[in-house]
Amino acid sequence: MNKYWNMIFLAAAFEVGWVVGLSHAYNVFTWILTGICIYVSFHFLIMASSRLPVGTAYAVFAGLGTAGTVIVEIFIFGEPFQLAKILLIALLVTGVFGLKTVTPAAEKKGGLG
């Protein structure tokens, strides 16, 4: 698998961390962890976007982050389980992986052109 796609997956995992942190941080330590997750998440997204199409990279990042956040909220924080919500998340993840499979890595080396 392309290392830039792996960066997107890591960025999405850290996105889940900071989104959950924004909602559940309760002391200085958890706010610092939230800030670290924000930095790492966007660092990996920016690095991956240097070689992948920005629109696709962001769509995959946001889609996986959304799916991950919903799953964490259900299994860790007791959000009510709804079959319709799970089916819609599965549809979202299917679209995300579809975008990933049809988008090749760009041959550019950073920059705007």
N, C-alpha and C. Protein backbone atom coordinates (compact mmCIF):
# COMPACT_ATOMS: atom_id res chain seq x y z
N MET A 1 0.85 -1.18 0.00
CA MET A 1 0.00 0.00 0.00
C MET A 1 0.89 1.24 0.00
N ASN A 2 0.48 2.23 -0.68
CA ASN A 2 1.22 3.48 -0.80
C ASN A 2 1.37 4.16 0.57
N LYS A 3 2.59 4.63 0.88
CA LYS A 3 2.82 5.25 2.19
C LYS A 3 1.99 6.51 2.39
N TYR A 4 1.61 7.18 1.31
CA TYR A 4 0.81 8.40 1.46
C TYR A 4 -0.63 8.07 1.86
N TRP A 5 -1.14 6.95 1.39
CA TRP A 5 -2.46 6.51 1.85
C TRP A 5 -2.39 6.10 3.32
N ASN A 6 -1.29 5.48 3.73
CA ASN A 6 -1.12 5.14 5.14
C ASN A 6 -1.12 6.40 6.00
N MET A 7 -0.53 7.47 5.49
CA MET A 7 -0.55 8.74 6.22
C MET A 7 -1.98 9.26 6.39
N ILE A 8 -2.79 9.09 5.36
CA ILE A 8 -4.20 9.51 5.46
C ILE A 8 -4.91 8.70 6.54
N PHE A 9 -4.67 7.38 6.56
CA PHE A 9 -5.30 6.53 7.58
C PHE A 9 -4.85 6.93 8.98
N LEU A 10 -3.57 7.23 9.15
CA LEU A 10 -3.07 7.70 10.45
C LEU A 10 -3.69 9.04 10.82
N ALA A 11 -3.77 9.93 9.84
CA ALA A 11 -4.38 11.24 10.09
C ALA A 11 -5.83 11.08 10.55
N ALA A 12 -6.55 10.18 9.93
CA ALA A 12 -7.95 9.94 10.31
C ALA A 12 -8.05 9.36 11.71
N ALA A 13 -7.11 8.47 12.07
CA ALA A 13 -7.12 7.90 13.42
C ALA A 13 -6.88 9.00 14.46
N PHE A 14 -5.93 9.89 14.20
CA PHE A 14 -5.70 10.99 15.13
C PHE A 14 -6.85 11.99 15.11
N GLU A 15 -7.55 12.08 13.98
CA GLU A 15 -8.73 12.95 13.93
C GLU A 15 -9.79 12.45 14.92
N VAL A 16 -9.98 11.15 14.97
CA VAL A 16 -10.92 10.59 15.93
C VAL A 16 -10.51 11.01 17.35
N GLY A 17 -9.20 10.94 17.61
CA GLY A 17 -8.70 11.33 18.93
C GLY A 17 -9.01 12.77 19.29
N TRP A 18 -8.79 13.69 18.32
CA TRP A 18 -9.03 15.09 18.70
C TRP A 18 -10.50 15.45 18.71
N VAL A 19 -11.31 14.81 17.87
CA VAL A 19 -12.75 15.11 17.90
C VAL A 19 -13.35 14.62 19.21
N VAL A 20 -12.98 13.42 19.62
CA VAL A 20 -13.44 12.90 20.91
C VAL A 20 -12.89 13.76 22.04
N GLY A 21 -11.62 14.17 21.91
CA GLY A 21 -11.02 15.02 22.93
C GLY A 21 -11.73 16.35 23.09
N LEU A 22 -12.15 16.96 21.99
CA LEU A 22 -12.86 18.23 22.09
C LEU A 22 -14.15 18.09 22.88
N SER A 23 -14.74 16.92 22.80
CA SER A 23 -16.01 16.70 23.49
C SER A 23 -15.83 16.20 24.93
N HIS A 24 -14.73 15.46 25.18
CA HIS A 24 -14.61 14.80 26.48
C HIS A 24 -13.40 15.21 27.31
N ALA A 25 -12.58 16.13 26.86
CA ALA A 25 -11.42 16.56 27.65
C ALA A 25 -11.91 17.24 28.93
N TYR A 26 -11.24 16.95 30.03
CA TYR A 26 -11.71 17.46 31.31
C TYR A 26 -10.61 18.05 32.19
N ASN A 27 -9.34 17.94 31.78
CA ASN A 27 -8.27 18.56 32.56
C ASN A 27 -7.15 18.97 31.61
N VAL A 28 -6.09 19.55 32.14
CA VAL A 28 -5.01 20.06 31.31
C VAL A 28 -4.37 18.93 30.49
N PHE A 29 -4.16 17.78 31.10
CA PHE A 29 -3.54 16.66 30.39
C PHE A 29 -4.36 16.21 29.19
N THR A 30 -5.65 16.06 29.35
CA THR A 30 -6.49 15.62 28.22
C THR A 30 -6.60 16.70 27.15
N TRP A 31 -6.54 17.97 27.54
CA TRP A 31 -6.53 19.04 26.54
C TRP A 31 -5.22 19.06 25.78
N ILE A 32 -4.10 18.77 26.47
CA ILE A 32 -2.81 18.69 25.78
C ILE A 32 -2.81 17.52 24.79
N LEU A 33 -3.35 16.37 25.21
CA LEU A 33 -3.46 15.23 24.28
C LEU A 33 -4.32 15.58 23.07
N THR A 34 -5.39 16.31 23.30
CA THR A 34 -6.25 16.74 22.20
C THR A 34 -5.47 17.63 21.23
N GLY A 35 -4.70 18.57 21.76
CA GLY A 35 -3.88 19.44 20.93
C GLY A 35 -2.84 18.66 20.13
N ILE A 36 -2.22 17.67 20.76
CA ILE A 36 -1.24 16.83 20.06
C ILE A 36 -1.92 16.07 18.92
N CYS A 37 -3.10 15.55 19.18
CA CYS A 37 -3.84 14.82 18.14
C CYS A 37 -4.18 15.74 16.97
N ILE A 38 -4.56 16.99 17.26
CA ILE A 38 -4.85 17.95 16.18
C ILE A 38 -3.61 18.16 15.33
N TYR A 39 -2.49 18.41 15.99
CA TYR A 39 -1.25 18.66 15.25
C TYR A 39 -0.85 17.45 14.39
N VAL A 40 -0.82 16.27 15.00
CA VAL A 40 -0.39 15.07 14.27
C VAL A 40 -1.34 14.77 13.12
N SER A 41 -2.64 14.91 13.36
CA SER A 41 -3.64 14.63 12.34
C SER A 41 -3.42 15.50 11.11
N PHE A 42 -3.30 16.80 11.32
CA PHE A 42 -3.13 17.70 10.18
C PHE A 42 -1.74 17.60 9.57
N HIS A 43 -0.74 17.27 10.36
CA HIS A 43 0.60 17.06 9.82
C HIS A 43 0.58 15.93 8.79
N PHE A 44 0.00 14.78 9.17
CA PHE A 44 -0.07 13.65 8.24
C PHE A 44 -0.94 13.98 7.03
N LEU A 45 -2.04 14.70 7.23
CA LEU A 45 -2.90 15.08 6.11
C LEU A 45 -2.16 15.98 5.13
N ILE A 46 -1.42 16.94 5.62
CA ILE A 46 -0.66 17.85 4.75
C ILE A 46 0.43 17.09 4.01
N MET A 47 1.14 16.22 4.71
CA MET A 47 2.21 15.45 4.05
C MET A 47 1.64 14.57 2.94
N ALA A 48 0.52 13.90 3.22
CA ALA A 48 -0.09 13.01 2.22
C ALA A 48 -0.62 13.82 1.04
N SER A 49 -1.12 15.01 1.31
CA SER A 49 -1.68 15.85 0.24
C SER A 49 -0.61 16.37 -0.72
N SER A 50 0.65 16.22 -0.34
CA SER A 50 1.71 16.64 -1.26
C SER A 50 1.83 15.69 -2.44
N ARG A 51 1.32 14.48 -2.30
CA ARG A 51 1.41 13.49 -3.37
C ARG A 51 0.06 12.97 -3.85
N LEU A 52 -0.97 13.15 -3.07
CA LEU A 52 -2.31 12.68 -3.45
C LEU A 52 -3.18 13.88 -3.81
N PRO A 53 -4.18 13.68 -4.66
CA PRO A 53 -5.11 14.78 -4.95
C PRO A 53 -5.77 15.27 -3.65
N VAL A 54 -5.74 16.57 -3.45
CA VAL A 54 -6.19 17.14 -2.18
C VAL A 54 -7.65 16.81 -1.89
N GLY A 55 -8.51 16.92 -2.88
CA GLY A 55 -9.93 16.64 -2.66
C GLY A 55 -10.19 15.22 -2.22
N THR A 56 -9.53 14.28 -2.88
CA THR A 56 -9.69 12.88 -2.52
C THR A 56 -9.09 12.60 -1.15
N ALA A 57 -7.90 13.14 -0.90
CA ALA A 57 -7.25 12.93 0.39
C ALA A 57 -8.14 13.44 1.53
N TYR A 58 -8.69 14.63 1.35
CA TYR A 58 -9.53 15.20 2.39
C TYR A 58 -10.83 14.40 2.56
N ALA A 59 -11.42 13.96 1.46
CA ALA A 59 -12.66 13.18 1.55
C ALA A 59 -12.42 11.88 2.32
N VAL A 60 -11.32 11.21 2.04
CA VAL A 60 -11.00 9.97 2.75
C VAL A 60 -10.73 10.27 4.22
N PHE A 61 -9.95 11.31 4.49
CA PHE A 61 -9.65 11.73 5.86
C PHE A 61 -10.93 12.00 6.65
N ALA A 62 -11.79 12.83 6.09
CA ALA A 62 -13.02 13.21 6.78
C ALA A 62 -13.98 12.04 6.94
N GLY A 63 -14.09 11.21 5.89
CA GLY A 63 -15.00 10.07 5.96
C GLY A 63 -14.58 9.04 7.00
N LEU A 64 -13.29 8.70 7.00
CA LEU A 64 -12.80 7.74 7.99
C LEU A 64 -12.86 8.32 9.39
N GLY A 65 -12.55 9.61 9.51
CA GLY A 65 -12.65 10.25 10.82
C GLY A 65 -14.07 10.26 11.35
N THR A 66 -15.01 10.53 10.48
CA THR A 66 -16.43 10.52 10.88
C THR A 66 -16.86 9.12 11.31
N ALA A 67 -16.53 8.13 10.51
CA ALA A 67 -16.90 6.75 10.84
C ALA A 67 -16.25 6.32 12.16
N GLY A 68 -14.98 6.63 12.31
CA GLY A 68 -14.28 6.27 13.54
C GLY A 68 -14.86 6.94 14.76
N THR A 69 -15.21 8.21 14.63
CA THR A 69 -15.78 8.94 15.75
C THR A 69 -17.13 8.35 16.16
N VAL A 70 -17.96 8.01 15.21
CA VAL A 70 -19.26 7.41 15.52
C VAL A 70 -19.07 6.07 16.23
N ILE A 71 -18.14 5.27 15.75
CA ILE A 71 -17.89 3.96 16.36
C ILE A 71 -17.36 4.11 17.79
N VAL A 72 -16.42 5.03 18.00
CA VAL A 72 -15.90 5.27 19.35
C VAL A 72 -17.00 5.76 20.27
N GLU A 73 -17.82 6.67 19.80
CA GLU A 73 -18.92 7.18 20.62
C GLU A 73 -19.89 6.07 21.03
N ILE A 74 -20.16 5.13 20.13
CA ILE A 74 -21.07 4.03 20.45
C ILE A 74 -20.44 3.07 21.44
N PHE A 75 -19.22 2.62 21.16
CA PHE A 75 -18.63 1.55 21.96
C PHE A 75 -17.95 2.02 23.24
N ILE A 76 -17.51 3.26 23.30
CA ILE A 76 -16.80 3.72 24.50
C ILE A 76 -17.65 4.67 25.35
N PHE A 77 -18.43 5.52 24.71
CA PHE A 77 -19.15 6.55 25.45
C PHE A 77 -20.66 6.32 25.53
N GLY A 78 -21.13 5.16 25.09
CA GLY A 78 -22.53 4.80 25.30
C GLY A 78 -23.55 5.49 24.43
N GLU A 79 -23.12 6.02 23.30
CA GLU A 79 -24.08 6.59 22.34
C GLU A 79 -25.04 5.47 21.91
N PRO A 80 -26.32 5.74 21.80
CA PRO A 80 -27.27 4.68 21.43
C PRO A 80 -26.96 4.07 20.06
N PHE A 81 -27.03 2.76 20.00
CA PHE A 81 -26.81 2.03 18.75
C PHE A 81 -28.06 2.14 17.89
N GLN A 82 -27.88 2.55 16.63
CA GLN A 82 -29.00 2.61 15.69
C GLN A 82 -28.54 1.93 14.41
N LEU A 83 -29.31 0.95 13.98
CA LEU A 83 -28.95 0.20 12.78
C LEU A 83 -28.82 1.13 11.57
N ALA A 84 -29.72 2.08 11.43
CA ALA A 84 -29.66 3.01 10.29
C ALA A 84 -28.34 3.79 10.30
N LYS A 85 -27.89 4.21 11.47
CA LYS A 85 -26.63 4.95 11.58
C LYS A 85 -25.46 4.08 11.14
N ILE A 86 -25.44 2.82 11.55
CA ILE A 86 -24.36 1.90 11.18
C ILE A 86 -24.39 1.63 9.68
N LEU A 87 -25.56 1.45 9.11
CA LEU A 87 -25.65 1.23 7.66
C LEU A 87 -25.16 2.44 6.87
N LEU A 88 -25.50 3.63 7.34
CA LEU A 88 -25.03 4.84 6.66
C LEU A 88 -23.52 5.01 6.80
N ILE A 89 -22.97 4.67 7.94
CA ILE A 89 -21.51 4.72 8.12
C ILE A 89 -20.85 3.70 7.20
N ALA A 90 -21.44 2.51 7.07
CA ALA A 90 -20.88 1.50 6.16
C ALA A 90 -20.91 2.01 4.72
N LEU A 91 -21.97 2.69 4.34
CA LEU A 91 -22.05 3.28 3.00
C LEU A 91 -20.97 4.35 2.82
N LEU A 92 -20.76 5.17 3.84
CA LEU A 92 -19.73 6.20 3.80
C LEU A 92 -18.34 5.57 3.63
N VAL A 93 -18.05 4.54 4.42
CA VAL A 93 -16.74 3.88 4.34
C VAL A 93 -16.57 3.21 2.98
N THR A 94 -17.62 2.64 2.43
CA THR A 94 -17.56 2.05 1.09
C THR A 94 -17.18 3.10 0.06
N GLY A 95 -17.79 4.28 0.14
CA GLY A 95 -17.45 5.37 -0.76
C GLY A 95 -16.02 5.84 -0.58
N VAL A 96 -15.56 5.89 0.65
CA VAL A 96 -14.19 6.31 0.94
C VAL A 96 -13.19 5.34 0.31
N PHE A 97 -13.41 4.06 0.51
CA PHE A 97 -12.49 3.08 -0.08
C PHE A 97 -12.63 3.04 -1.60
N GLY A 98 -13.79 3.32 -2.12
CA GLY A 98 -13.95 3.44 -3.57
C GLY A 98 -13.11 4.58 -4.11
N LEU A 99 -13.13 5.74 -3.43
CA LEU A 99 -12.29 6.86 -3.85
C LEU A 99 -10.81 6.49 -3.79
N LYS A 100 -10.44 5.79 -2.76
CA LYS A 100 -9.04 5.40 -2.61
C LYS A 100 -8.60 4.47 -3.74
N THR A 101 -9.44 3.54 -4.13
CA THR A 101 -9.04 2.57 -5.14
C THR A 101 -8.98 3.16 -6.55
N VAL A 102 -9.75 4.20 -6.82
CA VAL A 102 -9.74 4.77 -8.17
C VAL A 102 -8.81 5.96 -8.31
N THR A 103 -8.14 6.37 -7.22
CA THR A 103 -7.27 7.53 -7.26
C THR A 103 -5.81 7.11 -7.15
N PRO A 104 -5.04 7.28 -8.22
CA PRO A 104 -3.62 6.96 -8.14
C PRO A 104 -2.87 8.08 -7.42
N ALA A 105 -1.70 7.74 -6.88
CA ALA A 105 -0.85 8.77 -6.28
C ALA A 105 -0.30 9.66 -7.38
N ALA A 106 -0.28 10.94 -7.15
CA ALA A 106 0.24 11.89 -8.14
C ALA A 106 1.75 11.77 -8.22
N GLU A 107 2.30 12.18 -9.33
CA GLU A 107 3.75 12.13 -9.53
C GLU A 107 4.43 13.44 -9.17
N LYS A 108 3.72 14.38 -8.57
CA LYS A 108 4.32 15.66 -8.26
C LYS A 108 5.10 15.59 -6.96
N LYS A 109 5.98 16.54 -6.76
CA LYS A 109 6.80 16.62 -5.55
C LYS A 109 6.48 17.93 -4.85
N GLY A 110 5.33 18.01 -4.17
CA GLY A 110 4.95 19.22 -3.44
C GLY A 110 4.63 20.39 -4.37
N GLY A 111 4.41 21.54 -3.78
CA GLY A 111 4.16 22.74 -4.56
C GLY A 111 2.74 22.84 -5.05
N LEU A 112 2.49 23.89 -5.80
CA LEU A 112 1.14 24.12 -6.30
C LEU A 112 0.96 23.78 -7.78
N GLY A 113 1.87 23.16 -8.36
CA GLY A 113 1.63 22.97 -9.77
C GLY A 113 2.16 21.75 -10.30
